[in-house]
Amino acid sequence: MKFIINAQTLQTELAFLSGVVANKSNTIPVLQNIIIASENASSLKISGTDLDVSLSCQTEAAVSEPGTILVPMGKLLAITKTLPKTADMTFQSLENGGAKLTCERASFKLMAPEFEAFPEIQEPKEGAIEIPTDIFSNMIASTIYAITQEESRYTLSGAKVEIDESSMRMITTDGHRLAKSENKEITSKTTIDVLIPRKALAELAKICAAHQGTLRFTTDPNHIYFQVGSRSLSARLLSGQFPNYEMVIPKANDHSFATDVTA
């Protein structure tokens, strides 16, 4: 495989992938790499995963020899940060895995296993629901702070998302606080009720902030899939029984107040 890509273009995508790719504490070393595959002569697909959350980004590149390679995420990101943003980077796959990277007078060897060692990343499914990215971002920002930080409280380590014919709701709690965000403009004839992990929501918020328009998402029994522009994120859903939040919210509360807020 051989291709040329702009340093700034690559660094932009690596910044998103860095939040998803497994770090050195992970017990599966291959997950510290990203997989780069040619889509056609003018674009690449770059993907990373920690097995719970996966992200794939499509970006422009000049591909002269199609193929697929693995490269170490941490080392590649460190290199791109030292290069001029306008510089072009040339990648040439190595025989035993990894790639040779050249840029102007600099040259690097990025050693990695062959791409067959990398786990398969789930692709987005058909039949997606469309939601404006600003609405989804606001719902995440309004609720993510109340997700528990305690790993032992598994069912509380994400957000409960419900969509039905009346509205879309996102609910989080850590056992002491409860946050609920509701939008009555987003509806679905098919009821959706899923638990999305905190990490997936945090990374999705970053992706939505860089995209003006809509996101599409769909689910299967074990995963949720988001498509935001040229980037697609999938996550393993949480399982278990989320607390009955409707029992916590007072039904006959007659106390309320309104105030101005600033971003």
C-alpha atoms as a PDB file:
ATOM      1  CA  MET A   1       0.000   0.000   0.000  1.00  0.00           C
ATOM      2  CA  LYS A   2       1.178   3.520  -0.778  1.00  0.00           C
ATOM      3  CA  PHE A   3      -0.511   6.881  -0.305  1.00  0.00           C
ATOM      4  CA  ILE A   4       0.119  10.574   0.324  1.00  0.00           C
ATOM      5  CA  ILE A   5      -1.890  12.577   2.849  1.00  0.00           C
ATOM      6  CA  ASN A   6      -1.679  16.112   4.218  1.00  0.00           C
ATOM      7  CA  ALA A   7      -0.332  16.300   7.792  1.00  0.00           C
ATOM      8  CA  GLN A   8      -3.127  18.576   9.035  1.00  0.00           C
ATOM      9  CA  THR A   9      -5.804  16.379   7.434  1.00  0.00           C
ATOM     10  CA  LEU A  10      -4.410  13.273   9.142  1.00  0.00           C
ATOM     11  CA  GLN A  11      -3.917  14.992  12.495  1.00  0.00           C
ATOM     12  CA  THR A  12      -7.563  16.103  12.515  1.00  0.00           C
ATOM     13  CA  GLU A  13      -8.779  12.513  12.216  1.00  0.00           C
ATOM     14  CA  LEU A  14      -6.196  11.173  14.676  1.00  0.00           C
ATOM     15  CA  ALA A  15      -7.431  13.660  17.277  1.00  0.00           C
ATOM     16  CA  PHE A  16     -10.868  12.016  17.133  1.00  0.00           C
ATOM     17  CA  LEU A  17      -9.459   8.483  17.062  1.00  0.00           C
ATOM     18  CA  SER A  18      -7.188   9.116  20.064  1.00  0.00           C
ATOM     19  CA  GLY A  19     -10.204   9.163  22.385  1.00  0.00           C
ATOM     20  CA  VAL A  20     -11.325   5.737  21.201  1.00  0.00           C
ATOM     21  CA  VAL A  21      -8.143   3.720  20.621  1.00  0.00           C
ATOM     22  CA  ALA A  22      -7.080   1.519  23.528  1.00  0.00           C
ATOM     23  CA  ASN A  23      -4.201   2.819  25.657  1.00  0.00           C
ATOM     24  CA  LYS A  24      -1.180   0.916  26.951  1.00  0.00           C
ATOM     25  CA  SER A  25      -3.095  -0.402  29.959  1.00  0.00           C
ATOM     26  CA  ASN A  26      -5.258  -2.528  27.664  1.00  0.00           C
ATOM     27  CA  THR A  27      -4.347  -6.218  27.719  1.00  0.00           C
ATOM     28  CA  ILE A  28      -4.691  -6.575  23.924  1.00  0.00           C
ATOM     29  CA  PRO A  29      -1.651  -4.799  22.379  1.00  0.00           C
ATOM     30  CA  VAL A  30      -2.989  -4.815  18.797  1.00  0.00           C
ATOM     31  CA  LEU A  31      -5.739  -2.404  19.860  1.00  0.00           C
ATOM     32  CA  GLN A  32      -3.108   0.321  20.338  1.00  0.00           C
ATOM     33  CA  ASN A  33      -2.924   0.477  16.539  1.00  0.00           C
ATOM     34  CA  ILE A  34      -5.220   1.958  13.926  1.00  0.00           C
ATOM     35  CA  ILE A  35      -6.116   0.373  10.619  1.00  0.00           C
ATOM     36  CA  ILE A  36      -5.798   2.396   7.409  1.00  0.00           C
ATOM     37  CA  ALA A  37      -7.526   1.078   4.284  1.00  0.00           C
ATOM     38  CA  SER A  38      -7.864   2.562   0.821  1.00  0.00           C
ATOM     39  CA  GLU A  39     -11.453   3.343  -0.193  1.00  0.00           C
ATOM     40  CA  ASN A  40     -10.546   4.469  -3.712  1.00  0.00           C
ATOM     41  CA  ALA A  41      -7.803   6.469  -5.449  1.00  0.00           C
ATOM     42  CA  SER A  42      -8.702   9.650  -3.543  1.00  0.00           C
ATOM     43  CA  SER A  43      -9.751   8.569  -0.039  1.00  0.00           C
ATOM     44  CA  LEU A  44      -8.847   6.444   2.983  1.00  0.00           C
ATOM     45  CA  LYS A  45     -10.779   4.871   5.828  1.00  0.00           C
ATOM     46  CA  ILE A  46      -9.002   5.100   9.195  1.00  0.00           C
ATOM     47  CA  SER A  47     -10.417   3.058  12.092  1.00  0.00           C
ATOM     48  CA  GLY A  48      -9.670   2.333  15.738  1.00  0.00           C
ATOM     49  CA  THR A  49     -11.349   0.487  18.591  1.00  0.00           C
ATOM     50  CA  ASP A  50     -11.051  -0.652  22.207  1.00  0.00           C
ATOM     51  CA  LEU A  51     -13.699  -3.349  21.513  1.00  0.00           C
ATOM     52  CA  ASP A  52     -16.394  -1.388  23.378  1.00  0.00           C
ATOM     53  CA  VAL A  53     -16.313   1.771  21.238  1.00  0.00           C
ATOM     54  CA  SER A  54     -15.139   1.943  17.607  1.00  0.00           C
ATOM     55  CA  LEU A  55     -14.631   4.901  15.280  1.00  0.00           C
ATOM     56  CA  SER A  56     -14.045   5.035  11.516  1.00  0.00           C
ATOM     57  CA  CYS A  57     -13.144   8.211   9.611  1.00  0.00           C
ATOM     58  CA  GLN A  58     -13.056   8.754   5.864  1.00  0.00           C
ATOM     59  CA  THR A  59     -10.588  11.347   4.621  1.00  0.00           C
ATOM     60  CA  GLU A  60      -8.933  12.588   1.438  1.00  0.00           C
ATOM     61  CA  ALA A  61      -5.635  11.117   0.270  1.00  0.00           C
ATOM     62  CA  ALA A  62      -3.811  10.315  -2.967  1.00  0.00           C
ATOM     63  CA  VAL A  63      -3.667   6.512  -3.122  1.00  0.00           C
ATOM     64  CA  SER A  64      -1.214   5.114  -5.679  1.00  0.00           C
ATOM     65  CA  GLU A  65      -1.172   1.520  -4.364  1.00  0.00           C
ATOM     66  CA  PRO A  66      -4.401   0.321  -2.690  1.00  0.00           C
ATOM     67  CA  GLY A  67      -4.306  -1.898   0.371  1.00  0.00           C
ATOM     68  CA  THR A  68      -4.647  -2.055   4.161  1.00  0.00           C
ATOM     69  CA  ILE A  69      -2.090  -1.446   6.926  1.00  0.00           C
ATOM     70  CA  LEU A  70      -1.853  -1.170  10.704  1.00  0.00           C
ATOM     71  CA  VAL A  71       0.170   1.625  12.319  1.00  0.00           C
ATOM     72  CA  PRO A  72       0.728   2.494  16.014  1.00  0.00           C
ATOM     73  CA  MET A  73      -1.670   5.258  17.015  1.00  0.00           C
ATOM     74  CA  GLY A  74       0.422   6.963  19.709  1.00  0.00           C
ATOM     75  CA  LYS A  75       3.613   7.175  17.683  1.00  0.00           C
ATOM     76  CA  LEU A  76       1.855   8.411  14.542  1.00  0.00           C
ATOM     77  CA  LEU A  77      -0.010  11.136  16.441  1.00  0.00           C
ATOM     78  CA  ALA A  78       3.236  12.299  18.092  1.00  0.00           C
ATOM     79  CA  ILE A  79       4.939  12.507  14.691  1.00  0.00           C
ATOM     80  CA  THR A  80       2.159  14.485  13.029  1.00  0.00           C
ATOM     81  CA  LYS A  81       2.264  17.084  15.807  1.00  0.00           C
ATOM     82  CA  THR A  82       5.906  17.862  14.977  1.00  0.00           C
ATOM     83  CA  LEU A  83       5.361  18.316  11.233  1.00  0.00           C
ATOM     84  CA  PRO A  84       4.309  21.497   9.387  1.00  0.00           C
ATOM     85  CA  LYS A  85       0.537  21.511   8.855  1.00  0.00           C
ATOM     86  CA  THR A  86       0.969  22.060   5.121  1.00  0.00           C
ATOM     87  CA  ALA A  87       3.401  19.150   4.701  1.00  0.00           C
ATOM     88  CA  ASP A  88       2.503  16.018   2.749  1.00  0.00           C
ATOM     89  CA  MET A  89       3.200  12.623   4.340  1.00  0.00           C
ATOM     90  CA  THR A  90       3.998   9.554   2.231  1.00  0.00           C
ATOM     91  CA  PHE A  91       3.182   6.099   3.606  1.00  0.00           C
ATOM     92  CA  GLN A  92       4.590   2.884   2.120  1.00  0.00           C
ATOM     93  CA  SER A  93       3.576  -0.446   3.641  1.00  0.00           C
ATOM     94  CA  LEU A  94       6.334  -2.709   5.001  1.00  0.00           C
ATOM     95  CA  GLU A  95       6.565  -6.397   4.195  1.00  0.00           C
ATOM     96  CA  ASN A  96       6.104  -7.645   7.772  1.00  0.00           C
ATOM     97  CA  GLY A  97       3.464  -5.131   8.832  1.00  0.00           C
ATOM     98  CA  GLY A  98       3.476  -1.412   9.591  1.00  0.00           C
ATOM     99  CA  ALA A  99       4.659   1.324   7.239  1.00  0.00           C
ATOM    100  CA  LYS A 100       7.517   3.601   6.300  1.00  0.00           C
ATOM    101  CA  LEU A 101       6.604   7.262   6.672  1.00  0.00           C
ATOM    102  CA  THR A 102       8.497  10.036   4.876  1.00  0.00           C
ATOM    103  CA  CYS A 103       7.866  13.756   5.051  1.00  0.00           C
ATOM    104  CA  GLU A 104      10.252  16.276   3.512  1.00  0.00           C
ATOM    105  CA  ARG A 105      13.692  15.210   4.851  1.00  0.00           C
ATOM    106  CA  ALA A 106      12.326  13.121   7.744  1.00  0.00           C
ATOM    107  CA  SER A 107      11.805   9.363   7.636  1.00  0.00           C
ATOM    108  CA  PHE A 108      10.194   7.016  10.193  1.00  0.00           C
ATOM    109  CA  LYS A 109       9.445   3.310  10.524  1.00  0.00           C
ATOM    110  CA  LEU A 110       6.087   2.551  12.116  1.00  0.00           C
ATOM    111  CA  MET A 111       6.201  -1.074  13.240  1.00  0.00           C
ATOM    112  CA  ALA A 112       2.931  -2.936  13.735  1.00  0.00           C
ATOM    113  CA  PRO A 113       1.388  -6.400  13.245  1.00  0.00           C
ATOM    114  CA  GLU A 114      -0.200  -7.299   9.937  1.00  0.00           C
ATOM    115  CA  PHE A 115      -3.751  -6.010   9.556  1.00  0.00           C
ATOM    116  CA  GLU A 116      -5.282  -9.528   9.775  1.00  0.00           C
ATOM    117  CA  ALA A 117      -4.593  -9.417  13.535  1.00  0.00           C
ATOM    118  CA  PHE A 118      -6.974  -6.475  13.992  1.00  0.00           C
ATOM    119  CA  PRO A 119     -10.578  -7.233  15.095  1.00  0.00           C
ATOM    120  CA  GLU A 120     -13.419  -6.568  12.686  1.00  0.00           C
ATOM    121  CA  ILE A 121     -15.206  -3.267  13.267  1.00  0.00           C
ATOM    122  CA  GLN A 122     -18.997  -3.276  13.077  1.00  0.00           C
ATOM    123  CA  GLU A 123     -20.479  -1.251  10.216  1.00  0.00           C
ATOM    124  CA  PRO A 124     -23.534   1.066  10.542  1.00  0.00           C
ATOM    125  CA  LYS A 125     -26.859  -0.613   9.843  1.00  0.00           C
ATOM    126  CA  GLU A 126     -29.719   0.491   7.605  1.00  0.00           C
ATOM    127  CA  GLY A 127     -32.947   2.115   8.760  1.00  0.00           C
ATOM    128  CA  ALA A 128     -31.358   4.942  10.729  1.00  0.00           C
ATOM    129  CA  ILE A 129     -33.132   7.748  12.581  1.00  0.00           C
ATOM    130  CA  GLU A 130     -31.937  11.274  11.755  1.00  0.00           C
ATOM    131  CA  ILE A 131     -31.351  13.866  14.487  1.00  0.00           C
ATOM    132  CA  PRO A 132     -29.779  17.355  14.193  1.00  0.00           C
ATOM    133  CA  THR A 133     -26.294  17.230  15.706  1.00  0.00           C
ATOM    134  CA  ASP A 134     -26.882  20.353  17.807  1.00  0.00           C
ATOM    135  CA  ILE A 135     -29.913  18.779  19.483  1.00  0.00           C
ATOM    136  CA  PHE A 136     -28.026  15.584  20.306  1.00  0.00           C
ATOM    137  CA  SER A 137     -25.001  17.549  21.544  1.00  0.00           C
ATOM    138  CA  ASN A 138     -27.186  19.666  23.832  1.00  0.00           C
ATOM    139  CA  MET A 139     -28.841  16.577  25.288  1.00  0.00           C
ATOM    140  CA  ILE A 140     -25.443  15.020  26.027  1.00  0.00           C
ATOM    141  CA  ALA A 141     -24.142  18.240  27.603  1.00  0.00           C
ATOM    142  CA  SER A 142     -27.274  18.492  29.757  1.00  0.00           C
ATOM    143  CA  THR A 143     -26.987  14.992  31.192  1.00  0.00           C
ATOM    144  CA  ILE A 144     -23.466  13.511  30.965  1.00  0.00           C
ATOM    145  CA  TYR A 145     -22.315  15.129  34.239  1.00  0.00           C
ATOM    146  CA  ALA A 146     -24.715  12.932  36.232  1.00  0.00           C
ATOM    147  CA  ILE A 147     -23.325   9.614  34.941  1.00  0.00           C
ATOM    148  CA  THR A 148     -21.630   7.683  37.736  1.00  0.00           C
ATOM    149  CA  GLN A 149     -17.839   7.343  37.838  1.00  0.00           C
ATOM    150  CA  GLU A 150     -18.048   4.109  39.842  1.00  0.00           C
ATOM    151  CA  GLU A 151     -17.201   1.139  37.613  1.00  0.00           C
ATOM    152  CA  SER A 152     -19.078  -1.245  39.896  1.00  0.00           C
ATOM    153  CA  ARG A 153     -22.401   0.500  39.133  1.00  0.00           C
ATOM    154  CA  TYR A 154     -22.525  -0.872  35.609  1.00  0.00           C
ATOM    155  CA  THR A 155     -26.073   0.096  34.602  1.00  0.00           C
ATOM    156  CA  LEU A 156     -25.497   3.701  35.725  1.00  0.00           C
ATOM    157  CA  SER A 157     -22.285   4.148  33.696  1.00  0.00           C
ATOM    158  CA  GLY A 158     -24.139   5.496  30.687  1.00  0.00           C
ATOM    159  CA  ALA A 159     -27.279   7.277  29.563  1.00  0.00           C
ATOM    160  CA  LYS A 160     -30.717   5.793  29.047  1.00  0.00           C
ATOM    161  CA  VAL A 161     -32.059   6.989  25.685  1.00  0.00           C
ATOM    162  CA  GLU A 162     -35.723   6.562  24.849  1.00  0.00           C
ATOM    163  CA  ILE A 163     -37.489   7.510  21.623  1.00  0.00           C
ATOM    164  CA  ASP A 164     -41.159   6.898  20.943  1.00  0.00           C
ATOM    165  CA  GLU A 165     -44.061   8.609  19.195  1.00  0.00           C
ATOM    166  CA  SER A 166     -44.145  11.419  21.756  1.00  0.00           C
ATOM    167  CA  SER A 167     -40.489  12.505  22.197  1.00  0.00           C
ATOM    168  CA  MET A 168     -36.818  11.650  22.659  1.00  0.00           C
ATOM    169  CA  ARG A 169     -35.454  11.485  26.207  1.00  0.00           C
ATOM    170  CA  MET A 170     -31.951  11.108  27.638  1.00  0.00           C
ATOM    171  CA  ILE A 171     -31.636  10.252  31.342  1.00  0.00           C
ATOM    172  CA  THR A 172     -28.585   9.793  33.564  1.00  0.00           C
ATOM    173  CA  THR A 173     -28.018   9.274  37.284  1.00  0.00           C
ATOM    174  CA  ASP A 174     -25.233   8.452  39.728  1.00  0.00           C
ATOM    175  CA  GLY A 175     -27.619   7.492  42.515  1.00  0.00           C
ATOM    176  CA  HIS A 176     -27.481  10.984  44.055  1.00  0.00           C
ATOM    177  CA  ARG A 177     -28.289  13.207  41.084  1.00  0.00           C
ATOM    178  CA  LEU A 178     -30.621  12.626  38.150  1.00  0.00           C
ATOM    179  CA  ALA A 179     -30.608  14.534  34.864  1.00  0.00           C
ATOM    180  CA  LYS A 180     -33.248  14.329  32.159  1.00  0.00           C
ATOM    181  CA  SER A 181     -33.307  16.054  28.778  1.00  0.00           C
ATOM    182  CA  GLU A 182     -36.342  15.786  26.501  1.00  0.00           C
ATOM    183  CA  ASN A 183     -37.018  16.938  22.938  1.00  0.00           C
ATOM    184  CA  LYS A 184     -40.534  16.567  21.556  1.00  0.00           C
ATOM    185  CA  GLU A 185     -39.444  17.306  17.981  1.00  0.00           C
ATOM    186  CA  ILE A 186     -37.644  13.942  17.730  1.00  0.00           C
ATOM    187  CA  THR A 187     -40.048  11.010  17.501  1.00  0.00           C
ATOM    188  CA  SER A 188     -40.118   7.455  16.186  1.00  0.00           C
ATOM    189  CA  LYS A 189     -42.917   5.060  15.306  1.00  0.00           C
ATOM    190  CA  THR A 190     -40.700   2.259  16.598  1.00  0.00           C
ATOM    191  CA  THR A 191     -39.895   2.566  20.307  1.00  0.00           C
ATOM    192  CA  ILE A 192     -36.175   2.691  21.113  1.00  0.00           C
ATOM    193  CA  ASP A 193     -34.887   2.100  24.644  1.00  0.00           C
ATOM    194  CA  VAL A 194     -31.099   1.688  25.019  1.00  0.00           C
ATOM    195  CA  LEU A 195     -28.265   2.308  27.492  1.00  0.00           C
ATOM    196  CA  ILE A 196     -25.341   4.112  25.805  1.00  0.00           C
ATOM    197  CA  PRO A 197     -21.966   4.063  27.636  1.00  0.00           C
ATOM    198  CA  ARG A 198     -20.420   7.325  28.804  1.00  0.00           C
ATOM    199  CA  LYS A 199     -17.314   6.991  26.623  1.00  0.00           C
ATOM    200  CA  ALA A 200     -19.398   6.686  23.465  1.00  0.00           C
ATOM    201  CA  LEU A 201     -21.392   9.797  24.381  1.00  0.00           C
ATOM    202  CA  ALA A 202     -18.269  11.825  25.190  1.00  0.00           C
ATOM    203  CA  GLU A 203     -16.607  10.939  21.873  1.00  0.00           C
ATOM    204  CA  LEU A 204     -19.835  11.499  19.969  1.00  0.00           C
ATOM    205  CA  ALA A 205     -20.147  14.993  21.449  1.00  0.00           C
ATOM    206  CA  LYS A 206     -16.695  15.876  20.044  1.00  0.00           C
ATOM    207  CA  ILE A 207     -17.633  14.568  16.602  1.00  0.00           C
ATOM    208  CA  CYS A 208     -20.955  16.436  16.578  1.00  0.00           C
ATOM    209  CA  ALA A 209     -19.202  19.684  17.523  1.00  0.00           C
ATOM    210  CA  ALA A 210     -17.174  19.452  14.306  1.00  0.00           C
ATOM    211  CA  HIS A 211     -20.178  18.770  12.052  1.00  0.00           C
ATOM    212  CA  GLN A 212     -23.078  21.005  11.122  1.00  0.00           C
ATOM    213  CA  GLY A 213     -26.093  19.005  10.001  1.00  0.00           C
ATOM    214  CA  THR A 214     -27.630  15.744  11.146  1.00  0.00           C
ATOM    215  CA  LEU A 215     -26.482  12.441  12.557  1.00  0.00           C
ATOM    216  CA  ARG A 216     -28.051   9.080  11.789  1.00  0.00           C
ATOM    217  CA  PHE A 217     -28.214   6.238  14.247  1.00  0.00           C
ATOM    218  CA  THR A 218     -29.619   2.756  14.476  1.00  0.00           C
ATOM    219  CA  THR A 219     -29.331  -0.176  16.874  1.00  0.00           C
ATOM    220  CA  ASP A 220     -29.231  -3.942  17.044  1.00  0.00           C
ATOM    221  CA  PRO A 221     -29.634  -6.039  20.221  1.00  0.00           C
ATOM    222  CA  ASN A 222     -26.041  -5.388  21.339  1.00  0.00           C
ATOM    223  CA  HIS A 223     -24.727  -2.257  19.572  1.00  0.00           C
ATOM    224  CA  ILE A 224     -25.612   1.271  18.563  1.00  0.00           C
ATOM    225  CA  TYR A 225     -24.289   2.866  15.365  1.00  0.00           C
ATOM    226  CA  PHE A 226     -23.882   6.580  14.646  1.00  0.00           C
ATOM    227  CA  GLN A 227     -23.047   8.186  11.305  1.00  0.00           C
ATOM    228  CA  VAL A 228     -21.952  11.828  11.509  1.00  0.00           C
ATOM    229  CA  GLY A 229     -20.795  13.150   8.149  1.00  0.00           C
ATOM    230  CA  SER A 230     -17.732  11.139   7.094  1.00  0.00           C
ATOM    231  CA  ARG A 231     -17.277   9.599  10.558  1.00  0.00           C
ATOM    232  CA  SER A 232     -19.057   6.571  12.001  1.00  0.00           C
ATOM    233  CA  LEU A 233     -19.017   5.528  15.650  1.00  0.00           C
ATOM    234  CA  SER A 234     -20.325   2.266  17.072  1.00  0.00           C
ATOM    235  CA  ALA A 235     -20.567   1.170  20.687  1.00  0.00           C
ATOM    236  CA  ARG A 236     -21.475  -1.903  22.673  1.00  0.00           C
ATOM    237  CA  LEU A 237     -24.702  -1.181  24.569  1.00  0.00           C
ATOM    238  CA  LEU A 238     -24.877  -1.511  28.332  1.00  0.00           C
ATOM    239  CA  SER A 239     -27.164  -4.184  29.705  1.00  0.00           C
ATOM    240  CA  GLY A 240     -29.143  -4.354  32.916  1.00  0.00           C
ATOM    241  CA  GLN A 241     -32.040  -2.632  34.585  1.00  0.00           C
ATOM    242  CA  PHE A 242     -31.863   1.174  34.725  1.00  0.00           C
ATOM    243  CA  PRO A 243     -33.663   2.689  37.750  1.00  0.00           C
ATOM    244  CA  ASN A 244     -37.280   3.771  37.298  1.00  0.00           C
ATOM    245  CA  TYR A 245     -36.516   7.476  36.962  1.00  0.00           C
ATOM    246  CA  GLU A 246     -40.214   8.423  36.661  1.00  0.00           C
ATOM    247  CA  MET A 247     -40.741   7.367  40.278  1.00  0.00           C
ATOM    248  CA  VAL A 248     -38.057   9.841  41.380  1.00  0.00           C
ATOM    249  CA  ILE A 249     -39.381  12.927  39.606  1.00  0.00           C
ATOM    250  CA  PRO A 250     -42.238  14.514  41.604  1.00  0.00           C
ATOM    251  CA  LYS A 251     -45.548  14.500  39.720  1.00  0.00           C
ATOM    252  CA  ALA A 252     -47.354  17.198  41.703  1.00  0.00           C
ATOM    253  CA  ASN A 253     -44.512  19.659  42.178  1.00  0.00           C
ATOM    254  CA  ASP A 254     -45.861  23.239  42.012  1.00  0.00           C
ATOM    255  CA  HIS A 255     -42.494  24.976  42.582  1.00  0.00           C
ATOM    256  CA  SER A 256     -40.575  26.252  39.553  1.00  0.00           C
ATOM    257  CA  PHE A 257     -38.418  29.158  38.486  1.00  0.00           C
ATOM    258  CA  ALA A 258     -36.983  30.578  35.261  1.00  0.00           C
ATOM    259  CA  THR A 259     -33.565  32.144  34.752  1.00  0.00           C
ATOM    260  CA  ASP A 260     -31.341  33.344  31.945  1.00  0.00           C
ATOM    261  CA  VAL A 261     -28.296  31.182  31.171  1.00  0.00           C
ATOM    262  CA  THR A 262     -25.137  31.846  29.189  1.00  0.00           C
ATOM    263  CA  ALA A 263     -22.934  29.350  27.402  1.00  0.00           C
END
